[in-house]
Amino acid sequence: MPVCTLPDLPYDYSALAPVLGPGIIELHHAKHHAAYVKGGGEPLEQVYDHRGSVGRGATPILVLDAWQHAFHLRYRNQEADFAEAVGKVVDRQDVARRYEAATSRTDAPLLAP
């Protein structure tokens, strides 16, 4: 069985403020994500299975975690408000690079919305 380790985030916990405060990001990374890693990654695999093709040859261009724990405290389960706020901090250049890479691939089709 492969050993799973919690990766460091490539950004500071405060990088997504004011959309998501550093406390929420730290909770999500240091507690929730760490628990999945400690458990051997099994719950994470179930997430990929549940979400269909993501992680199975598809090319994710932009992924939005709209689980309750990701936005409940600040957005009170108002997913539309959360999605609108996240749109303000999305790295659009990175999304464009991912889109270009995905559309140039011949081994995996883009998923239709």
N, C-alpha and C. Protein backbone atom coordinates (compact mmCIF):
# COMPACT_ATOMS: atom_id res chain seq x y z
N MET A 1 0.86 -1.19 0.00
CA MET A 1 0.00 0.00 0.00
C MET A 1 0.89 1.24 0.00
N PRO A 2 0.65 2.18 -0.90
CA PRO A 2 1.49 3.38 -0.95
C PRO A 2 1.32 4.24 0.30
N VAL A 3 2.40 4.91 0.69
CA VAL A 3 2.36 5.81 1.83
C VAL A 3 1.88 7.17 1.36
N CYS A 4 0.87 7.70 2.03
CA CYS A 4 0.32 9.00 1.68
C CYS A 4 0.89 10.05 2.63
N THR A 5 1.27 11.19 2.10
CA THR A 5 1.74 12.30 2.93
C THR A 5 0.96 13.56 2.57
N LEU A 6 0.71 14.38 3.58
CA LEU A 6 -0.02 15.62 3.36
C LEU A 6 0.89 16.62 2.65
N PRO A 7 0.53 17.03 1.46
CA PRO A 7 1.38 18.01 0.76
C PRO A 7 1.18 19.41 1.34
N ASP A 8 2.22 20.21 1.29
CA ASP A 8 2.09 21.61 1.65
C ASP A 8 1.25 22.30 0.59
N LEU A 9 0.49 23.30 0.98
CA LEU A 9 -0.23 24.10 0.00
C LEU A 9 0.78 24.99 -0.73
N PRO A 10 0.56 25.24 -2.00
CA PRO A 10 1.48 26.11 -2.74
C PRO A 10 1.19 27.60 -2.51
N TYR A 11 0.40 27.90 -1.50
CA TYR A 11 0.05 29.28 -1.17
C TYR A 11 -0.21 29.36 0.33
N ASP A 12 -0.21 30.56 0.85
CA ASP A 12 -0.45 30.81 2.27
C ASP A 12 -1.93 30.63 2.59
N TYR A 13 -2.24 30.29 3.82
CA TYR A 13 -3.63 30.12 4.24
C TYR A 13 -4.46 31.39 4.01
N SER A 14 -3.84 32.53 3.98
CA SER A 14 -4.58 33.79 3.80
C SER A 14 -4.72 34.18 2.32
N ALA A 15 -4.24 33.37 1.41
CA ALA A 15 -4.21 33.73 -0.01
C ALA A 15 -5.59 33.92 -0.64
N LEU A 16 -6.61 33.31 -0.08
CA LEU A 16 -7.93 33.40 -0.68
C LEU A 16 -8.86 34.38 0.04
N ALA A 17 -8.30 35.10 0.99
CA ALA A 17 -9.09 36.11 1.70
C ALA A 17 -9.39 37.26 0.75
N PRO A 18 -10.53 37.86 0.83
CA PRO A 18 -11.56 37.70 1.83
C PRO A 18 -12.61 36.66 1.49
N VAL A 19 -12.47 35.98 0.35
CA VAL A 19 -13.47 34.98 -0.02
C VAL A 19 -13.53 33.86 1.01
N LEU A 20 -12.40 33.29 1.34
CA LEU A 20 -12.30 32.31 2.40
C LEU A 20 -11.17 32.74 3.31
N GLY A 21 -11.46 32.89 4.57
CA GLY A 21 -10.46 33.33 5.53
C GLY A 21 -9.42 32.26 5.81
N PRO A 22 -8.29 32.66 6.36
CA PRO A 22 -7.21 31.71 6.64
C PRO A 22 -7.63 30.59 7.60
N GLY A 23 -8.53 30.88 8.52
CA GLY A 23 -8.98 29.84 9.44
C GLY A 23 -9.70 28.71 8.73
N ILE A 24 -10.53 29.04 7.76
CA ILE A 24 -11.26 28.02 6.99
C ILE A 24 -10.29 27.20 6.15
N ILE A 25 -9.34 27.87 5.50
CA ILE A 25 -8.37 27.16 4.66
C ILE A 25 -7.51 26.24 5.53
N GLU A 26 -7.07 26.74 6.67
CA GLU A 26 -6.26 25.91 7.57
C GLU A 26 -7.07 24.71 8.07
N LEU A 27 -8.31 24.92 8.45
CA LEU A 27 -9.17 23.82 8.89
C LEU A 27 -9.32 22.78 7.79
N HIS A 28 -9.58 23.22 6.59
CA HIS A 28 -9.78 22.32 5.47
C HIS A 28 -8.52 21.52 5.18
N HIS A 29 -7.37 22.20 5.15
CA HIS A 29 -6.11 21.54 4.82
C HIS A 29 -5.56 20.72 5.99
N ALA A 30 -5.40 21.37 7.14
CA ALA A 30 -4.71 20.74 8.27
C ALA A 30 -5.57 19.71 9.01
N LYS A 31 -6.86 19.79 8.88
CA LYS A 31 -7.74 18.84 9.58
C LYS A 31 -8.41 17.87 8.61
N HIS A 32 -9.24 18.38 7.69
CA HIS A 32 -9.99 17.51 6.79
C HIS A 32 -9.08 16.75 5.83
N HIS A 33 -8.27 17.49 5.09
CA HIS A 33 -7.38 16.85 4.12
C HIS A 33 -6.40 15.93 4.84
N ALA A 34 -5.86 16.39 5.98
CA ALA A 34 -4.92 15.57 6.75
C ALA A 34 -5.56 14.27 7.21
N ALA A 35 -6.83 14.31 7.57
CA ALA A 35 -7.52 13.09 7.99
C ALA A 35 -7.62 12.09 6.84
N TYR A 36 -7.88 12.57 5.65
CA TYR A 36 -7.93 11.68 4.48
C TYR A 36 -6.57 11.04 4.25
N VAL A 37 -5.53 11.86 4.34
CA VAL A 37 -4.17 11.37 4.12
C VAL A 37 -3.80 10.34 5.19
N LYS A 38 -4.10 10.65 6.43
CA LYS A 38 -3.79 9.73 7.53
C LYS A 38 -4.51 8.40 7.36
N GLY A 39 -5.71 8.46 6.81
CA GLY A 39 -6.48 7.25 6.58
C GLY A 39 -6.05 6.48 5.35
N GLY A 40 -4.97 6.87 4.74
CA GLY A 40 -4.45 6.14 3.59
C GLY A 40 -5.02 6.59 2.27
N GLY A 41 -5.76 7.69 2.27
CA GLY A 41 -6.28 8.21 1.02
C GLY A 41 -7.57 7.56 0.57
N GLU A 42 -8.07 6.57 1.32
CA GLU A 42 -9.28 5.87 0.89
C GLU A 42 -10.47 6.79 0.72
N PRO A 43 -10.78 7.67 1.68
CA PRO A 43 -11.93 8.56 1.45
C PRO A 43 -11.74 9.44 0.22
N LEU A 44 -10.50 9.85 -0.05
CA LEU A 44 -10.24 10.67 -1.23
C LEU A 44 -10.55 9.89 -2.50
N GLU A 45 -10.19 8.60 -2.53
CA GLU A 45 -10.51 7.77 -3.68
C GLU A 45 -12.03 7.69 -3.86
N GLN A 46 -12.77 7.59 -2.77
CA GLN A 46 -14.22 7.55 -2.87
C GLN A 46 -14.76 8.84 -3.45
N VAL A 47 -14.13 9.97 -3.12
CA VAL A 47 -14.54 11.25 -3.69
C VAL A 47 -14.36 11.21 -5.20
N TYR A 48 -13.20 10.74 -5.66
CA TYR A 48 -12.98 10.66 -7.10
C TYR A 48 -13.98 9.73 -7.75
N ASP A 49 -14.25 8.59 -7.11
CA ASP A 49 -15.23 7.68 -7.67
C ASP A 49 -16.60 8.35 -7.77
N HIS A 50 -16.98 9.08 -6.73
CA HIS A 50 -18.29 9.73 -6.68
C HIS A 50 -18.43 10.82 -7.74
N ARG A 51 -17.36 11.48 -8.05
CA ARG A 51 -17.43 12.60 -8.98
C ARG A 51 -17.22 12.18 -10.43
N GLY A 52 -17.29 10.92 -10.69
CA GLY A 52 -17.25 10.47 -12.07
C GLY A 52 -15.85 10.40 -12.63
N SER A 53 -15.62 11.06 -13.74
CA SER A 53 -14.39 10.91 -14.50
C SER A 53 -13.19 11.66 -13.95
N VAL A 54 -13.39 12.60 -13.04
CA VAL A 54 -12.25 13.35 -12.53
C VAL A 54 -11.30 12.37 -11.86
N GLY A 55 -10.05 12.40 -12.29
CA GLY A 55 -9.07 11.47 -11.76
C GLY A 55 -8.96 10.19 -12.55
N ARG A 56 -9.74 10.06 -13.60
CA ARG A 56 -9.74 8.84 -14.42
C ARG A 56 -9.49 9.18 -15.89
N GLY A 57 -8.48 9.97 -16.14
CA GLY A 57 -8.14 10.29 -17.51
C GLY A 57 -8.71 11.59 -18.00
N ALA A 58 -9.66 12.16 -17.30
CA ALA A 58 -10.21 13.46 -17.69
C ALA A 58 -9.23 14.55 -17.27
N THR A 59 -9.36 15.69 -17.85
CA THR A 59 -8.50 16.82 -17.51
C THR A 59 -9.31 17.87 -16.78
N PRO A 60 -9.15 17.97 -15.45
CA PRO A 60 -9.87 19.01 -14.73
C PRO A 60 -9.33 20.38 -15.12
N ILE A 61 -10.21 21.28 -15.44
CA ILE A 61 -9.81 22.64 -15.82
C ILE A 61 -9.99 23.58 -14.65
N LEU A 62 -11.11 23.46 -13.96
CA LEU A 62 -11.38 24.25 -12.77
C LEU A 62 -12.29 23.41 -11.88
N VAL A 63 -11.88 23.20 -10.64
CA VAL A 63 -12.66 22.40 -9.71
C VAL A 63 -13.06 23.30 -8.55
N LEU A 64 -14.32 23.26 -8.20
CA LEU A 64 -14.84 24.06 -7.09
C LEU A 64 -15.37 23.11 -6.03
N ASP A 65 -14.76 23.13 -4.85
CA ASP A 65 -15.19 22.29 -3.74
C ASP A 65 -16.38 22.98 -3.07
N ALA A 66 -17.57 22.50 -3.33
CA ALA A 66 -18.77 23.12 -2.75
C ALA A 66 -19.36 22.23 -1.67
N TRP A 67 -18.52 21.46 -1.00
CA TRP A 67 -19.00 20.69 0.12
C TRP A 67 -19.35 21.64 1.25
N GLN A 68 -20.23 21.21 2.10
CA GLN A 68 -20.71 22.07 3.18
C GLN A 68 -19.58 22.63 4.03
N HIS A 69 -18.59 21.83 4.40
CA HIS A 69 -17.54 22.33 5.28
C HIS A 69 -16.68 23.39 4.62
N ALA A 70 -16.70 23.45 3.31
CA ALA A 70 -15.86 24.42 2.60
C ALA A 70 -16.45 25.83 2.63
N PHE A 71 -17.75 25.94 2.79
CA PHE A 71 -18.35 27.27 2.71
C PHE A 71 -19.42 27.54 3.76
N HIS A 72 -19.73 26.57 4.59
CA HIS A 72 -20.85 26.71 5.52
C HIS A 72 -20.71 27.89 6.48
N LEU A 73 -19.57 28.03 7.13
CA LEU A 73 -19.44 29.05 8.16
C LEU A 73 -19.57 30.46 7.61
N ARG A 74 -18.94 30.74 6.50
CA ARG A 74 -18.97 32.11 5.97
C ARG A 74 -20.19 32.37 5.11
N TYR A 75 -20.57 31.41 4.28
CA TYR A 75 -21.63 31.63 3.29
C TYR A 75 -22.96 30.99 3.67
N ARG A 76 -23.03 30.37 4.82
CA ARG A 76 -24.28 29.82 5.35
C ARG A 76 -25.01 28.95 4.34
N ASN A 77 -24.25 28.11 3.63
CA ASN A 77 -24.77 27.16 2.65
C ASN A 77 -25.38 27.82 1.41
N GLN A 78 -25.07 29.06 1.17
CA GLN A 78 -25.53 29.73 -0.05
C GLN A 78 -24.51 29.48 -1.15
N GLU A 79 -24.67 28.35 -1.84
CA GLU A 79 -23.69 27.92 -2.83
C GLU A 79 -23.47 28.95 -3.94
N ALA A 80 -24.53 29.60 -4.38
CA ALA A 80 -24.38 30.59 -5.46
C ALA A 80 -23.51 31.76 -5.00
N ASP A 81 -23.71 32.22 -3.77
CA ASP A 81 -22.88 33.31 -3.25
C ASP A 81 -21.42 32.86 -3.13
N PHE A 82 -21.22 31.63 -2.68
CA PHE A 82 -19.88 31.08 -2.56
C PHE A 82 -19.21 30.99 -3.93
N ALA A 83 -19.91 30.45 -4.92
CA ALA A 83 -19.35 30.31 -6.26
C ALA A 83 -19.01 31.67 -6.86
N GLU A 84 -19.87 32.66 -6.65
CA GLU A 84 -19.60 34.01 -7.16
C GLU A 84 -18.34 34.59 -6.52
N ALA A 85 -18.20 34.41 -5.22
CA ALA A 85 -17.02 34.93 -4.51
C ALA A 85 -15.75 34.22 -4.97
N VAL A 86 -15.81 32.91 -5.15
CA VAL A 86 -14.65 32.15 -5.60
C VAL A 86 -14.23 32.63 -6.99
N GLY A 87 -15.19 32.96 -7.82
CA GLY A 87 -14.87 33.46 -9.15
C GLY A 87 -14.01 34.71 -9.14
N LYS A 88 -14.05 35.42 -8.03
CA LYS A 88 -13.25 36.64 -7.91
C LYS A 88 -11.78 36.36 -7.60
N VAL A 89 -11.46 35.15 -7.13
CA VAL A 89 -10.07 34.83 -6.80
C VAL A 89 -9.49 33.72 -7.66
N VAL A 90 -10.24 33.25 -8.65
CA VAL A 90 -9.74 32.22 -9.54
C VAL A 90 -8.57 32.76 -10.35
N ASP A 91 -7.53 31.96 -10.47
CA ASP A 91 -6.38 32.31 -11.31
C ASP A 91 -6.76 32.00 -12.76
N ARG A 92 -7.31 32.97 -13.43
CA ARG A 92 -7.84 32.76 -14.78
C ARG A 92 -6.75 32.39 -15.79
N GLN A 93 -5.54 32.86 -15.58
CA GLN A 93 -4.44 32.48 -16.47
C GLN A 93 -4.13 30.99 -16.32
N ASP A 94 -4.17 30.47 -15.09
CA ASP A 94 -3.94 29.05 -14.87
C ASP A 94 -5.06 28.23 -15.50
N VAL A 95 -6.30 28.68 -15.35
CA VAL A 95 -7.43 27.98 -15.96
C VAL A 95 -7.28 27.98 -17.48
N ALA A 96 -6.86 29.10 -18.05
CA ALA A 96 -6.67 29.17 -19.50
C ALA A 96 -5.56 28.21 -19.96
N ARG A 97 -4.48 28.12 -19.18
CA ARG A 97 -3.40 27.17 -19.52
C ARG A 97 -3.92 25.73 -19.46
N ARG A 98 -4.69 25.43 -18.44
CA ARG A 98 -5.25 24.08 -18.32
C ARG A 98 -6.19 23.77 -19.48
N TYR A 99 -6.99 24.76 -19.86
CA TYR A 99 -7.91 24.57 -20.98
C TYR A 99 -7.14 24.31 -22.27
N GLU A 100 -6.11 25.11 -22.50
CA GLU A 100 -5.30 24.91 -23.71
C GLU A 100 -4.65 23.53 -23.71
N ALA A 101 -4.11 23.12 -22.57
CA ALA A 101 -3.50 21.80 -22.47
C ALA A 101 -4.53 20.70 -22.70
N ALA A 102 -5.73 20.88 -22.15
CA ALA A 102 -6.78 19.87 -22.30
C ALA A 102 -7.25 19.77 -23.74
N THR A 103 -7.40 20.90 -24.41
CA THR A 103 -7.92 20.86 -25.79
C THR A 103 -6.87 20.36 -26.77
N SER A 104 -5.61 20.36 -26.36
CA SER A 104 -4.56 19.85 -27.26
C SER A 104 -4.31 18.36 -27.05
N ARG A 105 -4.91 17.78 -26.02
CA ARG A 105 -4.72 16.34 -25.76
C ARG A 105 -5.53 15.52 -26.75
N THR A 106 -4.96 14.41 -27.15
CA THR A 106 -5.69 13.51 -28.03
C THR A 106 -6.07 12.20 -27.33
N ASP A 107 -5.55 12.00 -26.10
CA ASP A 107 -5.80 10.74 -25.40
C ASP A 107 -6.97 10.79 -24.45
N ALA A 108 -7.55 11.98 -24.19
CA ALA A 108 -8.69 12.07 -23.27
C ALA A 108 -9.59 13.21 -23.71
N PRO A 109 -10.86 12.94 -23.94
CA PRO A 109 -11.77 14.00 -24.37
C PRO A 109 -12.13 14.95 -23.23
N LEU A 110 -12.49 16.16 -23.58
CA LEU A 110 -13.04 17.08 -22.59
C LEU A 110 -14.43 16.62 -22.22
N LEU A 111 -14.79 16.82 -20.98
CA LEU A 111 -16.13 16.44 -20.56
C LEU A 111 -17.09 17.59 -20.88
N ALA A 112 -18.23 17.25 -21.39
CA ALA A 112 -19.25 18.26 -21.66
C ALA A 112 -19.89 18.67 -20.34
N PRO A 113 -20.33 19.94 -20.23
CA PRO A 113 -20.99 20.37 -18.99
C PRO A 113 -22.31 19.64 -18.78
